Amino acid sequence: AADVKAALRPDTALVSIMHANNEIGTIQPIREISDITRRDGILLHTDA
């Protein structure tokens, strides 16, 4: 989530991070990421 935060810019429209990977199955910290994007008014999409 820290890397996502570091990537954000004033002109960021959307962050898209999958919920769980289709190959290795790893589940992503979507809630942690949404806490960051919401504070900055940036939209978040997840492929679930």
ModelCIF file with pLDDT and N, C-alpha, C, O atoms, coordinates in Angstrom:
data_MODEL
#
_entry.id   MODEL 
#
_entity.id                         1 
_entity.type                       polymer 
_entity.pdbx_number_of_molecules   1 
#
_entity_poly.entity_id                      1 
_entity_poly.type                           'polypeptide(L)' 
_entity_poly.nstd_linkage                   no 
_entity_poly.nstd_monomer                   no 
_entity_poly.pdbx_seq_one_letter_code       AADVKAALRPDTALVSIMHANNEIGTIQPIREISDITRRDGILLHTDA 
_entity_poly.pdbx_seq_one_letter_code_can   AADVKAALRPDTALVSIMHANNEIGTIQPIREISDITRRDGILLHTDA 
_entity_poly.pdbx_strand_id                 A 
#
loop_
_entity_poly_seq.entity_id 
_entity_poly_seq.num 
_entity_poly_seq.mon_id 
_entity_poly_seq.hetero 
1 1  ALA n 
1 2  ALA n 
1 3  ASP n 
1 4  VAL n 
1 5  LYS n 
1 6  ALA n 
1 7  ALA n 
1 8  LEU n 
1 9  ARG n 
1 10 PRO n 
1 11 ASP n 
1 12 THR n 
1 13 ALA n 
1 14 LEU n 
1 15 VAL n 
1 16 SER n 
1 17 ILE n 
1 18 MET n 
1 19 HIS n 
1 20 ALA n 
1 21 ASN n 
1 22 ASN n 
1 23 GLU n 
1 24 ILE n 
1 25 GLY n 
1 26 THR n 
1 27 ILE n 
1 28 GLN n 
1 29 PRO n 
1 30 ILE n 
1 31 ARG n 
1 32 GLU n 
1 33 ILE n 
1 34 SER n 
1 35 ASP n 
1 36 ILE n 
1 37 THR n 
1 38 ARG n 
1 39 ARG n 
1 40 ASP n 
1 41 GLY n 
1 42 ILE n 
1 43 LEU n 
1 44 LEU n 
1 45 HIS n 
1 46 THR n 
1 47 ASP n 
1 48 ALA n 
#
_struct_asym.id          A 
_struct_asym.entity_id   1 
#
loop_
_ma_qa_metric.id 
_ma_qa_metric.mode 
_ma_qa_metric.name 
_ma_qa_metric.software_group_id 
_ma_qa_metric.type 
1 global pLDDT . pLDDT 
2 local  pLDDT . pLDDT 
#
_ma_qa_metric_global.metric_id      1 
_ma_qa_metric_global.metric_value   97.75 
_ma_qa_metric_global.model_id       1 
_ma_qa_metric_global.ordinal_id     1 
#
loop_
_ma_qa_metric_local.label_asym_id 
_ma_qa_metric_local.label_comp_id 
_ma_qa_metric_local.label_seq_id 
_ma_qa_metric_local.metric_id 
_ma_qa_metric_local.metric_value 
_ma_qa_metric_local.model_id 
_ma_qa_metric_local.ordinal_id 
A ALA 1  2 98.00 1 1  
A ALA 2  2 98.00 1 2  
A ASP 3  2 98.00 1 3  
A VAL 4  2 98.00 1 4  
A LYS 5  2 98.00 1 5  
A ALA 6  2 98.00 1 6  
A ALA 7  2 98.00 1 7  
A LEU 8  2 98.00 1 8  
A ARG 9  2 98.00 1 9  
A PRO 10 2 97.00 1 10 
A ASP 11 2 98.00 1 11 
A THR 12 2 98.00 1 12 
A ALA 13 2 98.00 1 13 
A LEU 14 2 98.00 1 14 
A VAL 15 2 98.00 1 15 
A SER 16 2 98.00 1 16 
A ILE 17 2 98.00 1 17 
A MET 18 2 98.00 1 18 
A HIS 19 2 98.00 1 19 
A ALA 20 2 98.00 1 20 
A ASN 21 2 98.00 1 21 
A ASN 22 2 96.00 1 22 
A GLU 23 2 97.00 1 23 
A ILE 24 2 98.00 1 24 
A GLY 25 2 98.00 1 25 
A THR 26 2 98.00 1 26 
A ILE 27 2 98.00 1 27 
A GLN 28 2 98.00 1 28 
A PRO 29 2 98.00 1 29 
A ILE 30 2 98.00 1 30 
A ARG 31 2 98.00 1 31 
A GLU 32 2 98.00 1 32 
A ILE 33 2 98.00 1 33 
A SER 34 2 98.00 1 34 
A ASP 35 2 98.00 1 35 
A ILE 36 2 98.00 1 36 
A THR 37 2 98.00 1 37 
A ARG 38 2 97.00 1 38 
A ARG 39 2 96.00 1 39 
A ASP 40 2 95.00 1 40 
A GLY 41 2 96.00 1 41 
A ILE 42 2 98.00 1 42 
A LEU 43 2 98.00 1 43 
A LEU 44 2 98.00 1 44 
A HIS 45 2 98.00 1 45 
A THR 46 2 98.00 1 46 
A ASP 47 2 98.00 1 47 
A ALA 48 2 98.00 1 48 
#
loop_
_atom_site.group_PDB 
_atom_site.id 
_atom_site.type_symbol 
_atom_site.label_atom_id 
_atom_site.label_alt_id 
_atom_site.label_comp_id 
_atom_site.label_asym_id 
_atom_site.label_entity_id 
_atom_site.label_seq_id 
_atom_site.pdbx_PDB_ins_code 
_atom_site.Cartn_x 
_atom_site.Cartn_y 
_atom_site.Cartn_z 
_atom_site.occupancy 
_atom_site.B_iso_or_equiv 
_atom_site.pdbx_formal_charge 
_atom_site.auth_seq_id 
_atom_site.auth_comp_id 
_atom_site.auth_asym_id 
_atom_site.auth_atom_id 
_atom_site.pdbx_PDB_model_num 
ATOM 1   N N  . ALA A 1 1  ? 0.830   -1.198  0.000   1.00 98.00 ? 1  ALA A N  1 
ATOM 2   C CA . ALA A 1 1  ? 0.000   0.000   0.000   1.00 98.00 ? 1  ALA A CA 1 
ATOM 3   C C  . ALA A 1 1  ? 0.869   1.254   0.000   1.00 98.00 ? 1  ALA A C  1 
ATOM 4   O O  . ALA A 1 1  ? 0.488   2.279   -0.566  1.00 98.00 ? 1  ALA A O  1 
ATOM 5   N N  . ALA A 1 2  ? 2.033   1.172   0.633   1.00 98.00 ? 2  ALA A N  1 
ATOM 6   C CA . ALA A 1 2  ? 2.957   2.313   0.653   1.00 98.00 ? 2  ALA A CA 1 
ATOM 7   C C  . ALA A 1 2  ? 3.459   2.635   -0.752  1.00 98.00 ? 2  ALA A C  1 
ATOM 8   O O  . ALA A 1 2  ? 3.628   3.803   -1.105  1.00 98.00 ? 2  ALA A O  1 
ATOM 9   N N  . ASP A 1 3  ? 3.698   1.590   -1.555  1.00 98.00 ? 3  ASP A N  1 
ATOM 10  C CA . ASP A 1 3  ? 4.133   1.817   -2.938  1.00 98.00 ? 3  ASP A CA 1 
ATOM 11  C C  . ASP A 1 3  ? 3.038   2.460   -3.769  1.00 98.00 ? 3  ASP A C  1 
ATOM 12  O O  . ASP A 1 3  ? 3.309   3.305   -4.622  1.00 98.00 ? 3  ASP A O  1 
ATOM 13  N N  . VAL A 1 4  ? 1.797   2.056   -3.518  1.00 98.00 ? 4  VAL A N  1 
ATOM 14  C CA . VAL A 1 4  ? 0.686   2.683   -4.223  1.00 98.00 ? 4  VAL A CA 1 
ATOM 15  C C  . VAL A 1 4  ? 0.604   4.159   -3.833  1.00 98.00 ? 4  VAL A C  1 
ATOM 16  O O  . VAL A 1 4  ? 0.439   5.024   -4.693  1.00 98.00 ? 4  VAL A O  1 
ATOM 17  N N  . LYS A 1 5  ? 0.718   4.436   -2.550  1.00 98.00 ? 5  LYS A N  1 
ATOM 18  C CA . LYS A 1 5  ? 0.674   5.825   -2.083  1.00 98.00 ? 5  LYS A CA 1 
ATOM 19  C C  . LYS A 1 5  ? 1.762   6.662   -2.741  1.00 98.00 ? 5  LYS A C  1 
ATOM 20  O O  . LYS A 1 5  ? 1.519   7.796   -3.156  1.00 98.00 ? 5  LYS A O  1 
ATOM 21  N N  . ALA A 1 6  ? 2.979   6.090   -2.835  1.00 98.00 ? 6  ALA A N  1 
ATOM 22  C CA . ALA A 1 6  ? 4.098   6.818   -3.429  1.00 98.00 ? 6  ALA A CA 1 
ATOM 23  C C  . ALA A 1 6  ? 3.879   7.087   -4.916  1.00 98.00 ? 6  ALA A C  1 
ATOM 24  O O  . ALA A 1 6  ? 4.448   8.027   -5.470  1.00 98.00 ? 6  ALA A O  1 
ATOM 25  N N  . ALA A 1 7  ? 3.062   6.269   -5.553  1.00 98.00 ? 7  ALA A N  1 
ATOM 26  C CA . ALA A 1 7  ? 2.834   6.413   -6.997  1.00 98.00 ? 7  ALA A CA 1 
ATOM 27  C C  . ALA A 1 7  ? 1.788   7.468   -7.332  1.00 98.00 ? 7  ALA A C  1 
ATOM 28  O O  . ALA A 1 7  ? 1.703   7.909   -8.478  1.00 98.00 ? 7  ALA A O  1 
ATOM 29  N N  . LEU A 1 8  ? 1.002   7.874   -6.360  1.00 98.00 ? 8  LEU A N  1 
ATOM 30  C CA . LEU A 1 8  ? -0.100  8.791   -6.627  1.00 98.00 ? 8  LEU A CA 1 
ATOM 31  C C  . LEU A 1 8  ? 0.395   10.195  -6.951  1.00 98.00 ? 8  LEU A C  1 
ATOM 32  O O  . LEU A 1 8  ? 1.412   10.654  -6.430  1.00 98.00 ? 8  LEU A O  1 
ATOM 33  N N  . ARG A 1 9  ? -0.356  10.866  -7.830  1.00 98.00 ? 9  ARG A N  1 
ATOM 34  C CA . ARG A 1 9  ? -0.030  12.229  -8.258  1.00 98.00 ? 9  ARG A CA 1 
ATOM 35  C C  . ARG A 1 9  ? -1.305  13.073  -8.226  1.00 98.00 ? 9  ARG A C  1 
ATOM 36  O O  . ARG A 1 9  ? -2.405  12.527  -8.148  1.00 98.00 ? 9  ARG A O  1 
ATOM 37  N N  . PRO A 1 10 ? -1.167  14.383  -8.286  1.00 97.00 ? 10 PRO A N  1 
ATOM 38  C CA . PRO A 1 10 ? -2.369  15.228  -8.312  1.00 97.00 ? 10 PRO A CA 1 
ATOM 39  C C  . PRO A 1 10 ? -3.290  14.919  -9.487  1.00 97.00 ? 10 PRO A C  1 
ATOM 40  O O  . PRO A 1 10 ? -4.497  15.147  -9.402  1.00 97.00 ? 10 PRO A O  1 
ATOM 41  N N  . ASP A 1 11 ? -2.729  14.398  -10.592 1.00 98.00 ? 11 ASP A N  1 
ATOM 42  C CA . ASP A 1 11 ? -3.563  14.111  -11.768 1.00 98.00 ? 11 ASP A CA 1 
ATOM 43  C C  . ASP A 1 11 ? -3.912  12.631  -11.893 1.00 98.00 ? 11 ASP A C  1 
ATOM 44  O O  . ASP A 1 11 ? -4.321  12.192  -12.968 1.00 98.00 ? 11 ASP A O  1 
ATOM 45  N N  . THR A 1 12 ? -3.762  11.847  -10.817 1.00 98.00 ? 12 THR A N  1 
ATOM 46  C CA . THR A 1 12 ? -4.143  10.435  -10.858 1.00 98.00 ? 12 THR A CA 1 
ATOM 47  C C  . THR A 1 12 ? -5.664  10.308  -10.899 1.00 98.00 ? 12 THR A C  1 
ATOM 48  O O  . THR A 1 12 ? -6.360  10.816  -10.020 1.00 98.00 ? 12 THR A O  1 
ATOM 49  N N  . ALA A 1 13 ? -6.163  9.641   -11.908 1.00 98.00 ? 13 ALA A N  1 
ATOM 50  C CA . ALA A 1 13 ? -7.603  9.456   -12.059 1.00 98.00 ? 13 ALA A CA 1 
ATOM 51  C C  . ALA A 1 13 ? -8.080  8.168   -11.392 1.00 98.00 ? 13 ALA A C  1 
ATOM 52  O O  . ALA A 1 13 ? -9.147  8.136   -10.780 1.00 98.00 ? 13 ALA A O  1 
ATOM 53  N N  . LEU A 1 14 ? -7.276  7.104   -11.516 1.00 98.00 ? 14 LEU A N  1 
ATOM 54  C CA . LEU A 1 14 ? -7.746  5.785   -11.109 1.00 98.00 ? 14 LEU A CA 1 
ATOM 55  C C  . LEU A 1 14 ? -6.579  4.899   -10.712 1.00 98.00 ? 14 LEU A C  1 
ATOM 56  O O  . LEU A 1 14 ? -5.516  4.933   -11.332 1.00 98.00 ? 14 LEU A O  1 
ATOM 57  N N  . VAL A 1 15 ? -6.791  4.107   -9.671  1.00 98.00 ? 15 VAL A N  1 
ATOM 58  C CA . VAL A 1 15 ? -5.885  3.017   -9.293  1.00 98.00 ? 15 VAL A CA 1 
ATOM 59  C C  . VAL A 1 15 ? -6.644  1.721   -9.528  1.00 98.00 ? 15 VAL A C  1 
ATOM 60  O O  . VAL A 1 15 ? -7.792  1.592   -9.102  1.00 98.00 ? 15 VAL A O  1 
ATOM 61  N N  . SER A 1 16 ? -6.013  0.748   -10.207 1.00 98.00 ? 16 SER A N  1 
ATOM 62  C CA . SER A 1 16 ? -6.647  -0.556  -10.453 1.00 98.00 ? 16 SER A CA 1 
ATOM 63  C C  . SER A 1 16 ? -5.713  -1.656  -9.967  1.00 98.00 ? 16 SER A C  1 
ATOM 64  O O  . SER A 1 16 ? -4.666  -1.901  -10.568 1.00 98.00 ? 16 SER A O  1 
ATOM 65  N N  . ILE A 1 17 ? -6.091  -2.313  -8.889  1.00 98.00 ? 17 ILE A N  1 
ATOM 66  C CA . ILE A 1 17 ? -5.309  -3.404  -8.299  1.00 98.00 ? 17 ILE A CA 1 
ATOM 67  C C  . ILE A 1 17 ? -6.226  -4.613  -8.151  1.00 98.00 ? 17 ILE A C  1 
ATOM 68  O O  . ILE A 1 17 ? -7.289  -4.508  -7.538  1.00 98.00 ? 17 ILE A O  1 
ATOM 69  N N  . MET A 1 18 ? -5.834  -5.750  -8.698  1.00 98.00 ? 18 MET A N  1 
ATOM 70  C CA . MET A 1 18 ? -6.686  -6.940  -8.611  1.00 98.00 ? 18 MET A CA 1 
ATOM 71  C C  . MET A 1 18 ? -6.866  -7.396  -7.163  1.00 98.00 ? 18 MET A C  1 
ATOM 72  O O  . MET A 1 18 ? -5.987  -7.186  -6.328  1.00 98.00 ? 18 MET A O  1 
ATOM 73  N N  . HIS A 1 19 ? -7.993  -8.012  -6.874  1.00 98.00 ? 19 HIS A N  1 
ATOM 74  C CA . HIS A 1 19 ? -8.258  -8.486  -5.518  1.00 98.00 ? 19 HIS A CA 1 
ATOM 75  C C  . HIS A 1 19 ? -7.430  -9.721  -5.190  1.00 98.00 ? 19 HIS A C  1 
ATOM 76  O O  . HIS A 1 19 ? -6.819  -9.803  -4.124  1.00 98.00 ? 19 HIS A O  1 
ATOM 77  N N  . ALA A 1 20 ? -7.414  -10.677 -6.108  1.00 98.00 ? 20 ALA A N  1 
ATOM 78  C CA . ALA A 1 20 ? -6.623  -11.898 -5.920  1.00 98.00 ? 20 ALA A CA 1 
ATOM 79  C C  . ALA A 1 20 ? -6.059  -12.313 -7.266  1.00 98.00 ? 20 ALA A C  1 
ATOM 80  O O  . ALA A 1 20 ? -6.749  -12.261 -8.284  1.00 98.00 ? 20 ALA A O  1 
ATOM 81  N N  . ASN A 1 21 ? -4.795  -12.727 -7.262  1.00 98.00 ? 21 ASN A N  1 
ATOM 82  C CA . ASN A 1 21 ? -4.151  -13.055 -8.529  1.00 98.00 ? 21 ASN A CA 1 
ATOM 83  C C  . ASN A 1 21 ? -4.654  -14.372 -9.090  1.00 98.00 ? 21 ASN A C  1 
ATOM 84  O O  . ASN A 1 21 ? -4.852  -15.339 -8.355  1.00 98.00 ? 21 ASN A O  1 
ATOM 85  N N  . ASN A 1 22 ? -4.857  -14.400 -10.392 1.00 96.00 ? 22 ASN A N  1 
ATOM 86  C CA . ASN A 1 22 ? -5.417  -15.575 -11.058 1.00 96.00 ? 22 ASN A CA 1 
ATOM 87  C C  . ASN A 1 22 ? -4.440  -16.732 -11.169 1.00 96.00 ? 22 ASN A C  1 
ATOM 88  O O  . ASN A 1 22 ? -4.871  -17.870 -11.351 1.00 96.00 ? 22 ASN A O  1 
ATOM 89  N N  . GLU A 1 23 ? -3.136  -16.483 -11.065 1.00 97.00 ? 23 GLU A N  1 
ATOM 90  C CA . GLU A 1 23 ? -2.146  -17.556 -11.181 1.00 97.00 ? 23 GLU A CA 1 
ATOM 91  C C  . GLU A 1 23 ? -1.713  -18.085 -9.822  1.00 97.00 ? 23 GLU A C  1 
ATOM 92  O O  . GLU A 1 23 ? -1.862  -19.274 -9.539  1.00 97.00 ? 23 GLU A O  1 
ATOM 93  N N  . ILE A 1 24 ? -1.178  -17.204 -8.981  1.00 98.00 ? 24 ILE A N  1 
ATOM 94  C CA . ILE A 1 24 ? -0.620  -17.660 -7.702  1.00 98.00 ? 24 ILE A CA 1 
ATOM 95  C C  . ILE A 1 24 ? -1.587  -17.491 -6.540  1.00 98.00 ? 24 ILE A C  1 
ATOM 96  O O  . ILE A 1 24 ? -1.331  -17.995 -5.447  1.00 98.00 ? 24 ILE A O  1 
ATOM 97  N N  . GLY A 1 25 ? -2.688  -16.795 -6.759  1.00 98.00 ? 25 GLY A N  1 
ATOM 98  C CA . GLY A 1 25 ? -3.738  -16.700 -5.746  1.00 98.00 ? 25 GLY A CA 1 
ATOM 99  C C  . GLY A 1 25 ? -3.530  -15.659 -4.665  1.00 98.00 ? 25 GLY A C  1 
ATOM 100 O O  . GLY A 1 25 ? -4.372  -15.534 -3.775  1.00 98.00 ? 25 GLY A O  1 
ATOM 101 N N  . THR A 1 26 ? -2.440  -14.907 -4.708  1.00 98.00 ? 26 THR A N  1 
ATOM 102 C CA . THR A 1 26 ? -2.156  -13.938 -3.661  1.00 98.00 ? 26 THR A CA 1 
ATOM 103 C C  . THR A 1 26 ? -3.256  -12.883 -3.578  1.00 98.00 ? 26 THR A C  1 
ATOM 104 O O  . THR A 1 26 ? -3.676  -12.320 -4.589  1.00 98.00 ? 26 THR A O  1 
ATOM 105 N N  . ILE A 1 27 ? -3.713  -12.627 -2.345  1.00 98.00 ? 27 ILE A N  1 
ATOM 106 C CA . ILE A 1 27 ? -4.766  -11.643 -2.096  1.00 98.00 ? 27 ILE A CA 1 
ATOM 107 C C  . ILE A 1 27 ? -4.119  -10.302 -1.749  1.00 98.00 ? 27 ILE A C  1 
ATOM 108 O O  . ILE A 1 27 ? -3.191  -10.236 -0.943  1.00 98.00 ? 27 ILE A O  1 
ATOM 109 N N  . GLN A 1 28 ? -4.614  -9.258  -2.358  1.00 98.00 ? 28 GLN A N  1 
ATOM 110 C CA . GLN A 1 28 ? -4.023  -7.932  -2.189  1.00 98.00 ? 28 GLN A CA 1 
ATOM 111 C C  . GLN A 1 28 ? -4.684  -7.143  -1.056  1.00 98.00 ? 28 GLN A C  1 
ATOM 112 O O  . GLN A 1 28 ? -5.852  -7.373  -0.742  1.00 98.00 ? 28 GLN A O  1 
ATOM 113 N N  . PRO A 1 29 ? -3.944  -6.217  -0.443  1.00 98.00 ? 29 PRO A N  1 
ATOM 114 C CA . PRO A 1 29 ? -4.480  -5.415  0.676   1.00 98.00 ? 29 PRO A CA 1 
ATOM 115 C C  . PRO A 1 29 ? -5.362  -4.275  0.171   1.00 98.00 ? 29 PRO A C  1 
ATOM 116 O O  . PRO A 1 29 ? -5.021  -3.101  0.323   1.00 98.00 ? 29 PRO A O  1 
ATOM 117 N N  . ILE A 1 30 ? -6.477  -4.625  -0.419  1.00 98.00 ? 30 ILE A N  1 
ATOM 118 C CA . ILE A 1 30 ? -7.323  -3.622  -1.070  1.00 98.00 ? 30 ILE A CA 1 
ATOM 119 C C  . ILE A 1 30 ? -7.851  -2.593  -0.064  1.00 98.00 ? 30 ILE A C  1 
ATOM 120 O O  . ILE A 1 30 ? -7.927  -1.406  -0.383  1.00 98.00 ? 30 ILE A O  1 
ATOM 121 N N  . ARG A 1 31 ? -8.214  -3.031  1.139   1.00 98.00 ? 31 ARG A N  1 
ATOM 122 C CA . ARG A 1 31 ? -8.731  -2.074  2.118   1.00 98.00 ? 31 ARG A CA 1 
ATOM 123 C C  . ARG A 1 31 ? -7.669  -1.040  2.489   1.00 98.00 ? 31 ARG A C  1 
ATOM 124 O O  . ARG A 1 31 ? -7.969  0.150   2.592   1.00 98.00 ? 31 ARG A O  1 
ATOM 125 N N  . GLU A 1 32 ? -6.436  -1.488  2.688   1.00 98.00 ? 32 GLU A N  1 
ATOM 126 C CA . GLU A 1 32 ? -5.356  -0.547  3.006   1.00 98.00 ? 32 GLU A CA 1 
ATOM 127 C C  . GLU A 1 32 ? -5.159  0.461   1.870   1.00 98.00 ? 32 GLU A C  1 
ATOM 128 O O  . GLU A 1 32 ? -4.919  1.646   2.104   1.00 98.00 ? 32 GLU A O  1 
ATOM 129 N N  . ILE A 1 33 ? -5.267  -0.033  0.654   1.00 98.00 ? 33 ILE A N  1 
ATOM 130 C CA . ILE A 1 33 ? -5.096  0.841   -0.504  1.00 98.00 ? 33 ILE A CA 1 
ATOM 131 C C  . ILE A 1 33 ? -6.255  1.824   -0.616  1.00 98.00 ? 33 ILE A C  1 
ATOM 132 O O  . ILE A 1 33 ? -6.051  2.998   -0.926  1.00 98.00 ? 33 ILE A O  1 
ATOM 133 N N  . SER A 1 34 ? -7.469  1.347   -0.364  1.00 98.00 ? 34 SER A N  1 
ATOM 134 C CA . SER A 1 34 ? -8.634  2.243   -0.471  1.00 98.00 ? 34 SER A CA 1 
ATOM 135 C C  . SER A 1 34 ? -8.607  3.324   0.598   1.00 98.00 ? 34 SER A C  1 
ATOM 136 O O  . SER A 1 34 ? -9.082  4.434   0.358   1.00 98.00 ? 34 SER A O  1 
ATOM 137 N N  . ASP A 1 35 ? -8.065  3.025   1.768   1.00 98.00 ? 35 ASP A N  1 
ATOM 138 C CA . ASP A 1 35 ? -7.932  4.059   2.792   1.00 98.00 ? 35 ASP A CA 1 
ATOM 139 C C  . ASP A 1 35 ? -7.070  5.215   2.276   1.00 98.00 ? 35 ASP A C  1 
ATOM 140 O O  . ASP A 1 35 ? -7.313  6.375   2.608   1.00 98.00 ? 35 ASP A O  1 
ATOM 141 N N  . ILE A 1 36 ? -6.072  4.889   1.471   1.00 98.00 ? 36 ILE A N  1 
ATOM 142 C CA . ILE A 1 36 ? -5.175  5.907   0.900   1.00 98.00 ? 36 ILE A CA 1 
ATOM 143 C C  . ILE A 1 36 ? -5.845  6.655   -0.244  1.00 98.00 ? 36 ILE A C  1 
ATOM 144 O O  . ILE A 1 36 ? -5.824  7.885   -0.287  1.00 98.00 ? 36 ILE A O  1 
ATOM 145 N N  . THR A 1 37 ? -6.439  5.908   -1.171  1.00 98.00 ? 37 THR A N  1 
ATOM 146 C CA . THR A 1 37 ? -7.038  6.567   -2.335  1.00 98.00 ? 37 THR A CA 1 
ATOM 147 C C  . THR A 1 37 ? -8.224  7.445   -1.950  1.00 98.00 ? 37 THR A C  1 
ATOM 148 O O  . THR A 1 37 ? -8.430  8.507   -2.539  1.00 98.00 ? 37 THR A O  1 
ATOM 149 N N  . ARG A 1 38 ? -8.997  7.010   -0.975  1.00 97.00 ? 38 ARG A N  1 
ATOM 150 C CA . ARG A 1 38 ? -10.148 7.806   -0.564  1.00 97.00 ? 38 ARG A CA 1 
ATOM 151 C C  . ARG A 1 38 ? -9.726  9.141   0.042   1.00 97.00 ? 38 ARG A C  1 
ATOM 152 O O  . ARG A 1 38 ? -10.358 10.169  -0.200  1.00 97.00 ? 38 ARG A O  1 
ATOM 153 N N  . ARG A 1 39 ? -8.650  9.118   0.834   1.00 96.00 ? 39 ARG A N  1 
ATOM 154 C CA . ARG A 1 39 ? -8.165  10.362  1.434   1.00 96.00 ? 39 ARG A CA 1 
ATOM 155 C C  . ARG A 1 39 ? -7.759  11.375  0.366   1.00 96.00 ? 39 ARG A C  1 
ATOM 156 O O  . ARG A 1 39 ? -7.893  12.585  0.552   1.00 96.00 ? 39 ARG A O  1 
ATOM 157 N N  . ASP A 1 40 ? -7.262  10.857  -0.752  1.00 95.00 ? 40 ASP A N  1 
ATOM 158 C CA . ASP A 1 40 ? -6.800  11.744  -1.825  1.00 95.00 ? 40 ASP A CA 1 
ATOM 159 C C  . ASP A 1 40 ? -7.848  11.967  -2.908  1.00 95.00 ? 40 ASP A C  1 
ATOM 160 O O  . ASP A 1 40 ? -7.575  12.648  -3.897  1.00 95.00 ? 40 ASP A O  1 
ATOM 161 N N  . GLY A 1 41 ? -9.050  11.401  -2.736  1.00 96.00 ? 41 GLY A N  1 
ATOM 162 C CA . GLY A 1 41 ? -10.111 11.604  -3.710  1.00 96.00 ? 41 GLY A CA 1 
ATOM 163 C C  . GLY A 1 41 ? -9.855  10.926  -5.040  1.00 96.00 ? 41 GLY A C  1 
ATOM 164 O O  . GLY A 1 41 ? -10.281 11.413  -6.088  1.00 96.00 ? 41 GLY A O  1 
ATOM 165 N N  . ILE A 1 42 ? -9.148  9.788   -4.997  1.00 98.00 ? 42 ILE A N  1 
ATOM 166 C CA . ILE A 1 42 ? -8.810  9.045   -6.216  1.00 98.00 ? 42 ILE A CA 1 
ATOM 167 C C  . ILE A 1 42 ? -9.658  7.784   -6.286  1.00 98.00 ? 42 ILE A C  1 
ATOM 168 O O  . ILE A 1 42 ? -9.860  7.113   -5.273  1.00 98.00 ? 42 ILE A O  1 
ATOM 169 N N  . LEU A 1 43 ? -10.151 7.461   -7.460  1.00 98.00 ? 43 LEU A N  1 
ATOM 170 C CA . LEU A 1 43 ? -10.992 6.281   -7.630  1.00 98.00 ? 43 LEU A CA 1 
ATOM 171 C C  . LEU A 1 43 ? -10.170 5.004   -7.561  1.00 98.00 ? 43 LEU A C  1 
ATOM 172 O O  . LEU A 1 43 ? -9.008  4.972   -7.964  1.00 98.00 ? 43 LEU A O  1 
ATOM 173 N N  . LEU A 1 44 ? -10.801 3.937   -7.035  1.00 98.00 ? 44 LEU A N  1 
ATOM 174 C CA . LEU A 1 44 ? -10.140 2.635   -6.926  1.00 98.00 ? 44 LEU A CA 1 
ATOM 175 C C  . LEU A 1 44 ? -11.013 1.557   -7.553  1.00 98.00 ? 44 LEU A C  1 
ATOM 176 O O  . LEU A 1 44 ? -12.185 1.404   -7.209  1.00 98.00 ? 44 LEU A O  1 
ATOM 177 N N  . HIS A 1 45 ? -10.414 0.811   -8.483  1.00 98.00 ? 45 HIS A N  1 
ATOM 178 C CA . HIS A 1 45 ? -11.068 -0.333  -9.119  1.00 98.00 ? 45 HIS A CA 1 
ATOM 179 C C  . HIS A 1 45 ? -10.321 -1.595  -8.727  1.00 98.00 ? 45 HIS A C  1 
ATOM 180 O O  . HIS A 1 45 ? -9.094  -1.594  -8.627  1.00 98.00 ? 45 HIS A O  1 
ATOM 181 N N  . THR A 1 46 ? -11.069 -2.681  -8.503  1.00 98.00 ? 46 THR A N  1 
ATOM 182 C CA . THR A 1 46 ? -10.430 -3.974  -8.287  1.00 98.00 ? 46 THR A CA 1 
ATOM 183 C C  . THR A 1 46 ? -11.073 -5.028  -9.169  1.00 98.00 ? 46 THR A C  1 
ATOM 184 O O  . THR A 1 46 ? -12.296 -5.111  -9.274  1.00 98.00 ? 46 THR A O  1 
ATOM 185 N N  . ASP A 1 47 ? -10.233 -5.827  -9.799  1.00 98.00 ? 47 ASP A N  1 
ATOM 186 C CA . ASP A 1 47 ? -10.687 -6.963  -10.589 1.00 98.00 ? 47 ASP A CA 1 
ATOM 187 C C  . ASP A 1 47 ? -10.824 -8.136  -9.625  1.00 98.00 ? 47 ASP A C  1 
ATOM 188 O O  . ASP A 1 47 ? -9.829  -8.725  -9.201  1.00 98.00 ? 47 ASP A O  1 
ATOM 189 N N  . ALA A 1 48 ? -12.062 -8.466  -9.286  1.00 98.00 ? 48 ALA A N  1 
ATOM 190 C CA . ALA A 1 48 ? -12.337 -9.534  -8.318  1.00 98.00 ? 48 ALA A CA 1 
ATOM 191 C C  . ALA A 1 48 ? -12.837 -10.798 -9.005  1.00 98.00 ? 48 ALA A C  1 
ATOM 192 O O  . ALA A 1 48 ? -13.116 -11.795 -8.338  1.00 98.00 ? 48 ALA A O  1 
#
